[in-house]
Amino acid sequence: MNVSGENIRMSVAAARSRESVVADLMARALARPGILSLAAGFTDNSVLPVEIVGQAVRNLPNAGVLQYGSNQGRPALRKAIAERLAMLDGGRCGVDADGVVMTNGSQQSLYLLAQVLCDPGDIVLVEAPTYFVVFDVLGGLGVEALSLPSDGRGQVDPDGVRELLAGLAREGRLDRVKMAYFITYYSNPSGISMDGGVKCALGKAFSELAPWVVAVEDTAYRELYFDAPHPADSVFALPEWEGLPRVVTGSFSKCFSPGIRLGYFATNVPKIVGKSLNIKAQQDFGSANLSQWIAGYALTTGAFDPFVAGLRTHYAAKARALSEALEEGGLRKLGWNWDDPAGGLLLWLRGPEGLDTGASGDFCRECLNEEVLYVPGDICYADRRSAPRSNVRLSFGTLSVGDLREGAGRFRNAAGRMRQYPLKEV
């Protein structure tokens, strides 16, 4: 028999936790088996690395792979990751294996870094829009997320960042800024990649105004480009960031397999490694040893590169299919706009001015009636009260091309039935 729990004294962290908008939408979807989800940022089951994983398991070197591993991660895998990061930056990346920490996906990396660097009341600077899960991570720790200014192209505005930092200094709050979080390649949710010049200018701004702020560059989608890699190097290879505390995070979820639940971060600050491992030991004593063996097998046997090359072709075709279906359905004539992505798994739509795409709005209900699901764009902003209310994130990762076209048609049908776009308050 369940009890109410009214007498239980919950923690401050529990009080800070909030229900996920996306979890609520997914629960609604599960209650309707025929719904097509353009919301879930999952990968496609049809291209998961079944053969590579099977080969890795059949080639286990010893039973120790099935045992507990080290807290920081398998040395051979960390070495392979450091070498790959250097390769992606043309040999200019200065990370070594000692600076790499294996984690349970990129979300644990975010949590460990935020807990190591921030106290309640501290500030983390984020893009607008950004990966909405970061708000749950920071909010649970009592940390404020503050949006960085951007220009008309969606790029972070370095001059605006300078003004923001100067304003925080005048308010006496600059010392509370502990971390700046950027998704620099095919961003979730916008699909934008950060220009190299912008990244360099940001390095200069932080070097001059707030050199203690740890730059956390999320590169989860970096290798999932379609035609050519984005040319900008990571913060580890740019001279403007030399001498500053830096972290690059990555994941095997998008470019290999979400099911192995494996991510990592690399840093040039040994203290961040040590303190993160202290906290990680309290959580899991190390990420799954078997998952690390599988990832290391793929990287070191040469299986990873042709596999990722196949993913690029596959997802590029799906991106085109979704964009073309929306275009052919006349969505632009209804006032919607978007840019075709150059990589990643996501399409960022900008709806007509005044449209409320929030989870409680009329448009969301129309889409649910059409049995199609999306991620409301407002949840991707630090301050939802002032966030644009007409943006939508669509994912082309999971559904087949046929279902993407069907989902696009359903989305267009819902948009076509909206005759007015009342802007409602949050």
Protein backbone atom coordinates (compact mmCIF):
# COMPACT_ATOMS: atom_id res chain seq x y z
CA MET A 1 0.00 0.00 0.00
CA ASN A 2 1.40 3.39 -0.97
CA VAL A 3 1.79 6.16 1.58
CA SER A 4 1.51 9.89 0.93
CA GLY A 5 5.01 10.77 2.13
CA GLU A 6 3.78 14.06 3.57
CA ASN A 7 6.00 13.63 6.61
CA ILE A 8 9.14 12.89 4.62
CA ARG A 9 11.65 15.73 4.65
CA MET A 10 13.00 16.02 1.15
CA SER A 11 16.41 17.47 0.36
CA VAL A 12 17.07 20.87 -1.13
CA ALA A 13 18.20 19.13 -4.31
CA ALA A 14 14.87 17.30 -4.52
CA ALA A 15 13.03 20.58 -4.06
CA ARG A 16 15.06 22.12 -6.90
CA SER A 17 14.27 19.27 -9.28
CA ARG A 18 11.53 19.88 -11.80
CA GLU A 19 9.44 17.75 -14.08
CA SER A 20 10.90 17.49 -17.56
CA VAL A 21 8.76 19.00 -20.31
CA VAL A 22 10.13 16.46 -22.76
CA ALA A 23 9.45 13.57 -20.37
CA ASP A 24 5.87 14.78 -20.13
CA LEU A 25 5.55 14.92 -23.90
CA MET A 26 7.09 11.47 -24.26
CA ALA A 27 4.64 10.09 -21.71
CA ARG A 28 1.81 11.50 -23.79
CA ALA A 29 3.32 9.87 -26.86
CA LEU A 30 3.58 6.45 -25.20
CA ALA A 31 -0.10 6.65 -24.40
CA ARG A 32 -0.77 6.94 -28.17
CA PRO A 33 0.99 4.11 -30.04
CA GLY A 34 0.37 5.64 -33.49
CA ILE A 35 2.18 8.88 -32.79
CA LEU A 36 5.29 9.78 -34.80
CA SER A 37 8.01 11.38 -32.68
CA LEU A 38 10.07 14.09 -34.30
CA ALA A 39 11.11 15.00 -30.77
CA ALA A 40 13.41 12.24 -29.55
CA GLY A 41 17.06 12.93 -30.38
CA PHE A 42 17.74 9.21 -30.72
CA THR A 43 19.75 7.47 -33.40
CA ASP A 44 18.41 5.05 -36.00
CA ASN A 45 18.21 1.39 -34.97
CA SER A 46 18.84 0.33 -38.56
CA VAL A 47 22.40 1.67 -38.51
CA LEU A 48 23.54 0.75 -35.01
CA PRO A 49 26.92 -1.08 -34.93
CA VAL A 50 25.61 -4.60 -34.32
CA GLU A 51 28.42 -6.31 -36.24
CA ILE A 52 31.20 -4.28 -34.66
CA VAL A 53 29.85 -4.87 -31.16
CA GLY A 54 29.54 -8.58 -31.90
CA GLN A 55 33.13 -8.71 -33.09
CA ALA A 56 34.31 -6.84 -30.03
CA VAL A 57 32.54 -9.24 -27.68
CA ARG A 58 33.83 -12.30 -29.56
CA ASN A 59 37.37 -10.92 -29.26
CA LEU A 60 37.40 -10.26 -25.52
CA PRO A 61 41.06 -10.60 -24.46
CA ASN A 62 40.27 -12.00 -21.02
CA ALA A 63 37.61 -12.20 -18.33
CA GLY A 64 38.92 -9.00 -16.77
CA VAL A 65 36.94 -6.99 -19.33
CA LEU A 66 33.81 -8.25 -17.56
CA GLN A 67 35.14 -7.12 -14.19
CA TYR A 68 35.11 -3.69 -12.56
CA GLY A 69 37.43 -1.24 -14.28
CA SER A 70 39.34 1.80 -13.14
CA ASN A 71 37.56 4.95 -12.05
CA GLN A 72 39.14 7.14 -14.74
CA GLY A 73 38.68 4.61 -17.52
CA ARG A 74 40.66 2.09 -19.54
CA PRO A 75 44.11 3.55 -20.32
CA ALA A 76 44.14 2.26 -23.91
CA LEU A 77 40.78 3.90 -24.63
CA ARG A 78 41.80 7.20 -23.06
CA LYS A 79 44.97 7.17 -25.14
CA ALA A 80 42.96 6.46 -28.30
CA ILE A 81 40.58 9.34 -27.51
CA ALA A 82 43.46 11.77 -26.89
CA GLU A 83 45.01 10.75 -30.21
CA ARG A 84 41.70 11.18 -32.01
CA LEU A 85 41.16 14.64 -30.56
CA ALA A 86 44.61 15.60 -31.78
CA MET A 87 43.86 14.16 -35.23
CA LEU A 88 40.60 16.13 -35.50
CA ASP A 89 42.54 19.32 -34.75
CA GLY A 90 45.24 18.58 -37.31
CA GLY A 91 47.70 17.42 -34.67
CA ARG A 92 47.48 20.69 -32.77
CA CYS A 93 45.40 19.48 -29.82
CA GLY A 94 47.48 19.27 -26.65
CA VAL A 95 45.40 16.79 -24.61
CA ASP A 96 46.98 13.63 -23.27
CA ALA A 97 45.46 10.45 -21.85
CA ASP A 98 45.94 11.63 -18.26
CA GLY A 99 43.52 14.48 -18.95
CA VAL A 100 40.74 12.19 -20.24
CA VAL A 101 37.96 10.88 -17.97
CA MET A 102 35.43 8.29 -19.18
CA THR A 103 31.83 8.96 -18.11
CA ASN A 104 28.36 7.47 -18.38
CA GLY A 105 27.37 9.54 -21.37
CA SER A 106 27.80 13.27 -21.88
CA GLN A 107 25.24 14.09 -19.21
CA GLN A 108 27.45 12.71 -16.46
CA SER A 109 30.31 14.81 -17.81
CA LEU A 110 28.15 17.91 -17.46
CA TYR A 111 27.08 16.95 -13.96
CA LEU A 112 30.62 16.18 -12.75
CA LEU A 113 32.00 19.42 -14.16
CA ALA A 114 29.20 21.53 -12.73
CA GLN A 115 29.52 19.92 -9.30
CA VAL A 116 33.31 20.33 -9.27
CA LEU A 117 33.29 23.93 -10.44
CA CYS A 118 30.11 25.48 -9.04
CA ASP A 119 28.48 26.28 -5.73
CA PRO A 120 24.80 27.20 -5.29
CA GLY A 121 24.34 30.75 -6.54
CA ASP A 122 27.15 30.52 -9.09
CA ILE A 123 26.64 31.26 -12.79
CA VAL A 124 27.22 29.19 -15.92
CA LEU A 125 27.12 30.98 -19.27
CA VAL A 126 25.28 29.15 -22.05
CA GLU A 127 24.28 29.75 -25.65
CA ALA A 128 20.78 30.78 -26.62
CA PRO A 129 19.40 28.30 -27.52
CA THR A 130 21.29 25.40 -25.96
CA TYR A 131 20.88 21.74 -24.92
CA PHE A 132 17.92 21.89 -22.55
CA VAL A 133 19.17 19.09 -20.28
CA VAL A 134 21.89 21.43 -19.00
CA PHE A 135 19.18 23.45 -17.22
CA ASP A 136 18.09 20.42 -15.22
CA VAL A 137 21.69 19.64 -14.28
CA LEU A 138 22.45 23.20 -13.19
CA GLY A 139 19.08 23.78 -11.55
CA GLY A 140 19.50 20.69 -9.39
CA LEU A 141 22.75 22.16 -8.09
CA GLY A 142 21.28 25.61 -7.45
CA VAL A 143 23.38 27.13 -10.25
CA GLU A 144 22.08 29.92 -12.48
CA ALA A 145 22.26 29.56 -16.27
CA LEU A 146 22.76 32.89 -18.02
CA SER A 147 22.43 33.32 -21.79
CA LEU A 148 25.24 34.69 -23.90
CA PRO A 149 24.35 37.39 -26.45
CA SER A 150 24.08 36.25 -30.06
CA ASP A 151 23.97 37.94 -33.45
CA GLY A 152 21.45 37.66 -36.26
CA ARG A 153 23.08 34.47 -37.55
CA GLY A 154 22.71 32.64 -34.28
CA GLN A 155 26.43 32.91 -33.52
CA VAL A 156 27.60 34.00 -30.07
CA ASP A 157 28.45 37.70 -30.22
CA PRO A 158 31.96 38.26 -28.72
CA ASP A 159 31.40 42.01 -28.30
CA GLY A 160 28.14 41.29 -26.52
CA VAL A 161 29.96 38.80 -24.29
CA ARG A 162 32.44 41.50 -23.34
CA GLU A 163 29.57 43.80 -22.43
CA LEU A 164 27.92 41.01 -20.44
CA LEU A 165 31.08 40.28 -18.47
CA ALA A 166 31.64 43.99 -17.84
CA GLY A 167 28.05 44.33 -16.62
CA LEU A 168 28.45 41.40 -14.26
CA ALA A 169 31.63 43.01 -12.93
CA ARG A 170 29.74 46.26 -12.22
CA GLU A 171 27.08 44.26 -10.39
CA GLY A 172 29.72 42.49 -8.31
CA ARG A 173 28.75 39.10 -9.75
CA LEU A 174 31.55 38.38 -12.21
CA ASP A 175 33.40 36.22 -9.69
CA ARG A 176 30.32 33.96 -9.54
CA VAL A 177 30.80 32.99 -13.20
CA LYS A 178 32.54 29.62 -13.09
CA MET A 179 31.90 27.96 -16.43
CA ALA A 180 30.94 28.74 -20.04
CA TYR A 181 29.24 25.94 -21.96
CA PHE A 182 29.27 25.88 -25.78
CA ILE A 183 28.04 23.28 -28.29
CA THR A 184 30.27 24.19 -31.19
CA TYR A 185 29.56 21.60 -33.90
CA TYR A 186 26.04 21.08 -35.33
CA SER A 187 24.54 22.28 -32.10
CA ASN A 188 21.64 20.76 -30.24
CA PRO A 189 19.11 22.28 -30.87
CA SER A 190 19.98 24.89 -33.53
CA GLY A 191 22.26 22.82 -35.79
CA ILE A 192 24.67 25.78 -35.96
CA SER A 193 28.44 25.34 -35.78
CA MET A 194 30.49 28.07 -34.13
CA ASP A 195 32.65 30.09 -36.51
CA GLY A 196 36.37 29.80 -35.90
CA GLY A 197 36.71 33.59 -35.68
CA VAL A 198 33.99 33.73 -33.04
CA LYS A 199 35.71 31.04 -31.01
CA CYS A 200 39.02 32.91 -31.18
CA ALA A 201 37.39 36.19 -30.18
CA LEU A 202 35.73 34.50 -27.22
CA GLY A 203 39.11 33.21 -26.09
CA LYS A 204 40.46 36.76 -26.12
CA ALA A 205 37.44 38.06 -24.22
CA PHE A 206 37.73 35.52 -21.42
CA SER A 207 41.52 35.86 -21.28
CA GLU A 208 41.20 39.61 -20.70
CA LEU A 209 38.09 39.78 -18.51
CA ALA A 210 37.55 36.43 -16.75
CA PRO A 211 40.51 34.06 -17.15
CA TRP A 212 39.31 31.76 -14.36
CA VAL A 213 36.14 30.75 -16.21
CA VAL A 214 36.38 27.16 -17.45
CA ALA A 215 35.37 26.83 -21.11
CA VAL A 216 33.44 23.60 -21.68
CA GLU A 217 33.19 22.79 -25.38
CA ASP A 218 30.63 20.07 -26.16
CA THR A 219 31.67 18.25 -29.35
CA ALA A 220 29.14 15.38 -29.31
CA TYR A 221 28.17 15.92 -32.97
CA ARG A 222 31.56 16.96 -34.34
CA GLU A 223 32.12 13.87 -36.50
CA LEU A 224 28.52 13.65 -37.70
CA TYR A 225 28.99 16.11 -40.56
CA PHE A 226 27.39 15.47 -43.96
CA ASP A 227 29.64 16.77 -46.74
CA ALA A 228 32.75 18.15 -45.03
CA PRO A 229 33.85 18.68 -41.43
CA HIS A 230 33.31 22.09 -39.89
CA PRO A 231 36.73 23.77 -40.30
CA ALA A 232 37.06 25.37 -36.86
CA ASP A 233 39.47 23.74 -34.42
CA SER A 234 38.53 23.01 -30.82
CA VAL A 235 39.55 25.34 -28.00
CA PHE A 236 42.54 23.06 -27.37
CA ALA A 237 44.14 24.00 -30.68
CA LEU A 238 43.54 27.76 -30.73
CA PRO A 239 46.30 30.09 -29.48
CA GLU A 240 43.69 32.56 -28.19
CA TRP A 241 42.74 29.98 -25.54
CA GLU A 242 46.30 29.17 -24.56
CA GLY A 243 46.80 29.27 -20.80
CA LEU A 244 43.05 29.24 -20.04
CA PRO A 245 41.25 26.36 -18.30
CA ARG A 246 39.54 24.26 -20.96
CA VAL A 247 37.42 21.13 -21.25
CA VAL A 248 36.21 19.28 -24.33
CA THR A 249 33.35 16.80 -23.88
CA GLY A 250 32.44 14.02 -26.29
CA SER A 251 30.20 11.01 -26.54
CA PHE A 252 29.88 7.69 -28.35
CA SER A 253 26.08 8.00 -28.29
CA LYS A 254 25.52 9.82 -31.60
CA CYS A 255 28.44 8.51 -33.65
CA PHE A 256 28.39 4.91 -32.43
CA SER A 257 25.84 3.52 -29.95
CA PRO A 258 23.69 5.21 -27.29
CA GLY A 259 23.21 1.86 -25.58
CA ILE A 260 26.80 1.57 -24.41
CA ARG A 261 26.21 4.79 -22.38
CA LEU A 262 29.70 6.09 -22.80
CA GLY A 263 31.02 9.63 -22.94
CA TYR A 264 34.17 11.43 -21.87
CA PHE A 265 35.72 14.76 -21.13
CA ALA A 266 39.28 15.93 -21.65
CA THR A 267 40.89 18.84 -19.85
CA ASN A 268 44.19 20.63 -19.38
CA VAL A 269 43.49 21.10 -15.64
CA PRO A 270 44.67 18.13 -13.54
CA LYS A 271 42.71 19.41 -10.53
CA ILE A 272 39.45 19.07 -12.50
CA VAL A 273 40.35 15.47 -13.28
CA GLY A 274 41.15 14.65 -9.67
CA LYS A 275 38.11 16.28 -8.12
CA SER A 276 35.80 14.81 -10.79
CA LEU A 277 37.13 11.34 -10.06
CA ASN A 278 36.47 11.86 -6.35
CA ILE A 279 32.81 12.58 -7.12
CA LYS A 280 32.55 9.86 -9.76
CA ALA A 281 33.80 7.33 -7.24
CA GLN A 282 30.84 8.22 -5.07
CA GLN A 283 28.51 7.46 -7.97
CA ASP A 284 29.73 4.41 -9.86
CA PHE A 285 33.46 3.58 -9.27
CA GLY A 286 33.98 3.90 -13.02
CA SER A 287 31.99 3.64 -16.23
CA ALA A 288 31.20 0.16 -17.58
CA ASN A 289 34.39 -1.70 -18.43
CA LEU A 290 32.74 -3.74 -21.18
CA SER A 291 31.37 -0.65 -22.90
CA GLN A 292 34.83 0.86 -22.85
CA TRP A 293 36.33 -2.26 -24.36
CA ILE A 294 33.78 -2.15 -27.20
CA ALA A 295 34.48 1.53 -27.94
CA GLY A 296 38.23 0.97 -27.75
CA TYR A 297 37.97 -2.02 -30.08
CA ALA A 298 36.14 0.08 -32.67
CA LEU A 299 38.71 2.88 -32.46
CA THR A 300 41.87 0.78 -32.46
CA THR A 301 40.92 -1.82 -35.09
CA GLY A 302 39.96 0.74 -37.72
CA ALA A 303 36.28 -0.19 -37.63
CA PHE A 304 35.13 3.20 -36.34
CA ASP A 305 35.97 5.45 -39.30
CA PRO A 306 34.11 3.53 -42.05
CA PHE A 307 31.17 3.09 -39.69
CA VAL A 308 30.92 6.83 -39.02
CA ALA A 309 31.32 7.54 -42.73
CA GLY A 310 28.23 5.41 -43.33
CA LEU A 311 26.33 7.30 -40.66
CA ARG A 312 27.09 10.61 -42.38
CA THR A 313 25.60 9.41 -45.65
CA HIS A 314 22.59 7.90 -43.90
CA TYR A 315 21.68 10.93 -41.81
CA ALA A 316 22.37 13.39 -44.62
CA ALA A 317 19.72 11.61 -46.69
CA LYS A 318 17.27 11.71 -43.79
CA ALA A 319 17.91 15.40 -43.20
CA ARG A 320 17.16 16.10 -46.86
CA ALA A 321 14.03 13.98 -46.75
CA LEU A 322 12.57 15.84 -43.77
CA SER A 323 13.49 19.29 -45.10
CA GLU A 324 12.11 18.50 -48.56
CA ALA A 325 8.87 17.11 -47.15
CA LEU A 326 8.32 20.27 -45.11
CA GLU A 327 9.16 22.40 -48.15
CA GLU A 328 6.90 20.46 -50.49
CA GLY A 329 4.10 20.61 -47.95
CA GLY A 330 4.14 24.39 -48.16
CA LEU A 331 5.30 25.05 -44.61
CA ARG A 332 7.33 28.11 -45.66
CA LYS A 333 4.18 29.62 -47.18
CA LEU A 334 2.65 29.42 -43.71
CA GLY A 335 5.43 31.63 -42.33
CA TRP A 336 7.91 28.97 -41.18
CA ASN A 337 11.65 29.10 -41.92
CA TRP A 338 14.67 26.89 -41.36
CA ASP A 339 18.21 26.30 -42.57
CA ASP A 340 19.23 22.89 -43.88
CA PRO A 341 21.69 21.39 -41.40
CA ALA A 342 25.27 20.56 -42.41
CA GLY A 343 25.47 17.79 -39.82
CA GLY A 344 23.97 16.37 -36.66
CA LEU A 345 20.49 14.96 -36.15
CA LEU A 346 18.30 18.03 -35.75
CA LEU A 347 16.30 20.62 -37.65
CA TRP A 348 15.54 23.97 -35.99
CA LEU A 349 12.34 25.60 -37.23
CA ARG A 350 11.40 29.25 -36.73
CA GLY A 351 7.64 29.64 -36.73
CA PRO A 352 5.53 32.69 -37.56
CA GLU A 353 5.89 35.62 -35.19
CA GLY A 354 3.38 35.32 -32.38
CA LEU A 355 2.97 31.55 -32.64
CA ASP A 356 3.05 29.77 -29.26
CA THR A 357 4.72 26.38 -29.71
CA GLY A 358 5.01 25.76 -25.96
CA ALA A 359 3.93 22.45 -24.46
CA SER A 360 0.70 23.93 -23.15
CA GLY A 361 -0.14 25.91 -26.30
CA ASP A 362 -2.77 25.35 -28.96
CA PHE A 363 -0.21 24.41 -31.60
CA CYS A 364 1.18 21.58 -29.47
CA ARG A 365 -2.35 20.26 -28.95
CA GLU A 366 -2.97 20.41 -32.70
CA CYS A 367 0.21 18.40 -33.30
CA LEU A 368 -0.82 15.83 -30.72
CA ASN A 369 -4.20 15.58 -32.43
CA GLU A 370 -2.30 14.94 -35.67
CA GLU A 371 -0.22 12.36 -33.75
CA VAL A 372 3.15 14.04 -34.28
CA LEU A 373 5.52 15.17 -31.54
CA TYR A 374 8.20 17.89 -31.42
CA VAL A 375 10.38 19.64 -28.83
CA PRO A 376 9.14 23.15 -27.95
CA GLY A 377 11.92 25.63 -28.62
CA ASP A 378 11.34 27.74 -25.51
CA ILE A 379 12.72 25.04 -23.21
CA CYS A 380 16.13 25.51 -24.87
CA TYR A 381 16.63 29.00 -23.39
CA ALA A 382 17.95 29.93 -19.96
CA ASP A 383 15.15 32.44 -19.39
CA ARG A 384 11.98 30.88 -20.76
CA ARG A 385 9.95 33.96 -19.89
CA SER A 386 11.78 36.06 -22.46
CA ALA A 387 12.57 33.23 -24.88
CA PRO A 388 11.21 33.19 -28.44
CA ARG A 389 7.97 31.24 -28.30
CA SER A 390 7.66 30.16 -31.92
CA ASN A 391 10.68 27.87 -32.37
CA VAL A 392 10.57 24.09 -32.72
CA ARG A 393 13.22 21.36 -32.66
CA LEU A 394 12.65 18.39 -34.95
CA SER A 395 14.81 15.28 -35.03
CA PHE A 396 15.37 13.11 -38.10
CA GLY A 397 17.47 10.54 -36.24
CA THR A 398 14.99 7.82 -35.32
CA LEU A 399 12.23 7.61 -37.94
CA SER A 400 12.53 6.03 -41.37
CA VAL A 401 12.42 8.26 -44.44
CA GLY A 402 8.82 7.24 -45.03
CA ASP A 403 7.83 8.09 -41.47
CA LEU A 404 9.74 11.38 -41.66
CA ARG A 405 7.69 12.37 -44.68
CA GLU A 406 4.49 11.31 -42.96
CA GLY A 407 5.48 13.18 -39.80
CA ALA A 408 6.27 16.29 -41.83
CA GLY A 409 2.82 16.09 -43.40
CA ARG A 410 1.15 15.81 -40.02
CA PHE A 411 3.17 18.75 -38.72
CA ARG A 412 2.18 20.83 -41.73
CA ASN A 413 -1.47 19.90 -41.26
CA ALA A 414 -1.35 21.15 -37.67
CA ALA A 415 0.36 24.37 -38.80
CA GLY A 416 -2.22 24.88 -41.51
CA ARG A 417 -5.10 24.75 -39.04
CA MET A 418 -3.64 27.56 -36.92
CA ARG A 419 -5.39 30.69 -38.14
CA GLN A 420 -4.17 32.92 -35.32
CA TYR A 421 -0.98 32.83 -33.30
CA PRO A 422 -1.79 34.10 -29.81
CA LEU A 423 1.33 34.71 -27.74
CA LYS A 424 0.62 33.38 -24.26
CA GLU A 425 2.62 34.06 -21.13
CA VAL A 426 4.63 31.30 -19.49
